[in-house]
Amino acid sequence: NAASVTGQMIALDGGQHLAWETPDIMGIRE
């Protein structure tokens, strides 16, 4: 799913650019 893929991307990237690119998903996941 999108959320799962995003989580993996954030883990690989360090959560820098994707963190601000998907604040809504981050808020839900957090």
Protein backbone atom coordinates (compact mmCIF):
# COMPACT_ATOMS: atom_id res chain seq x y z
CA ASN A 1 0.00 0.00 0.00
CA ALA A 2 0.98 3.64 -0.44
CA ALA A 3 1.51 4.16 3.29
CA SER A 4 3.73 1.08 3.54
CA VAL A 5 5.81 2.09 0.51
CA THR A 6 6.14 5.61 1.88
CA GLY A 7 7.30 4.23 5.20
CA GLN A 8 10.00 2.17 3.47
CA MET A 9 11.08 5.17 1.40
CA ILE A 10 11.32 7.31 4.52
CA ALA A 11 13.41 4.63 6.22
CA LEU A 12 15.76 4.43 3.23
CA ASP A 13 15.97 8.17 2.63
CA GLY A 14 16.14 9.09 6.29
CA GLY A 15 12.73 10.76 6.30
CA GLN A 16 14.00 14.12 5.06
CA HIS A 17 12.31 15.13 1.80
CA LEU A 18 9.45 12.63 2.06
CA ALA A 19 8.72 13.84 5.59
CA TRP A 20 7.60 17.22 4.31
CA GLU A 21 6.21 15.82 1.07
CA THR A 22 3.72 13.58 2.89
CA PRO A 23 2.92 15.27 6.24
CA ASP A 24 -0.62 13.90 6.16
CA ILE A 25 0.59 10.29 5.96
CA MET A 26 3.23 10.94 8.61
CA GLY A 27 0.57 12.35 10.92
CA ILE A 28 -1.60 9.27 10.47
CA ARG A 29 1.28 6.80 10.83
CA GLU A 30 2.62 8.63 13.89
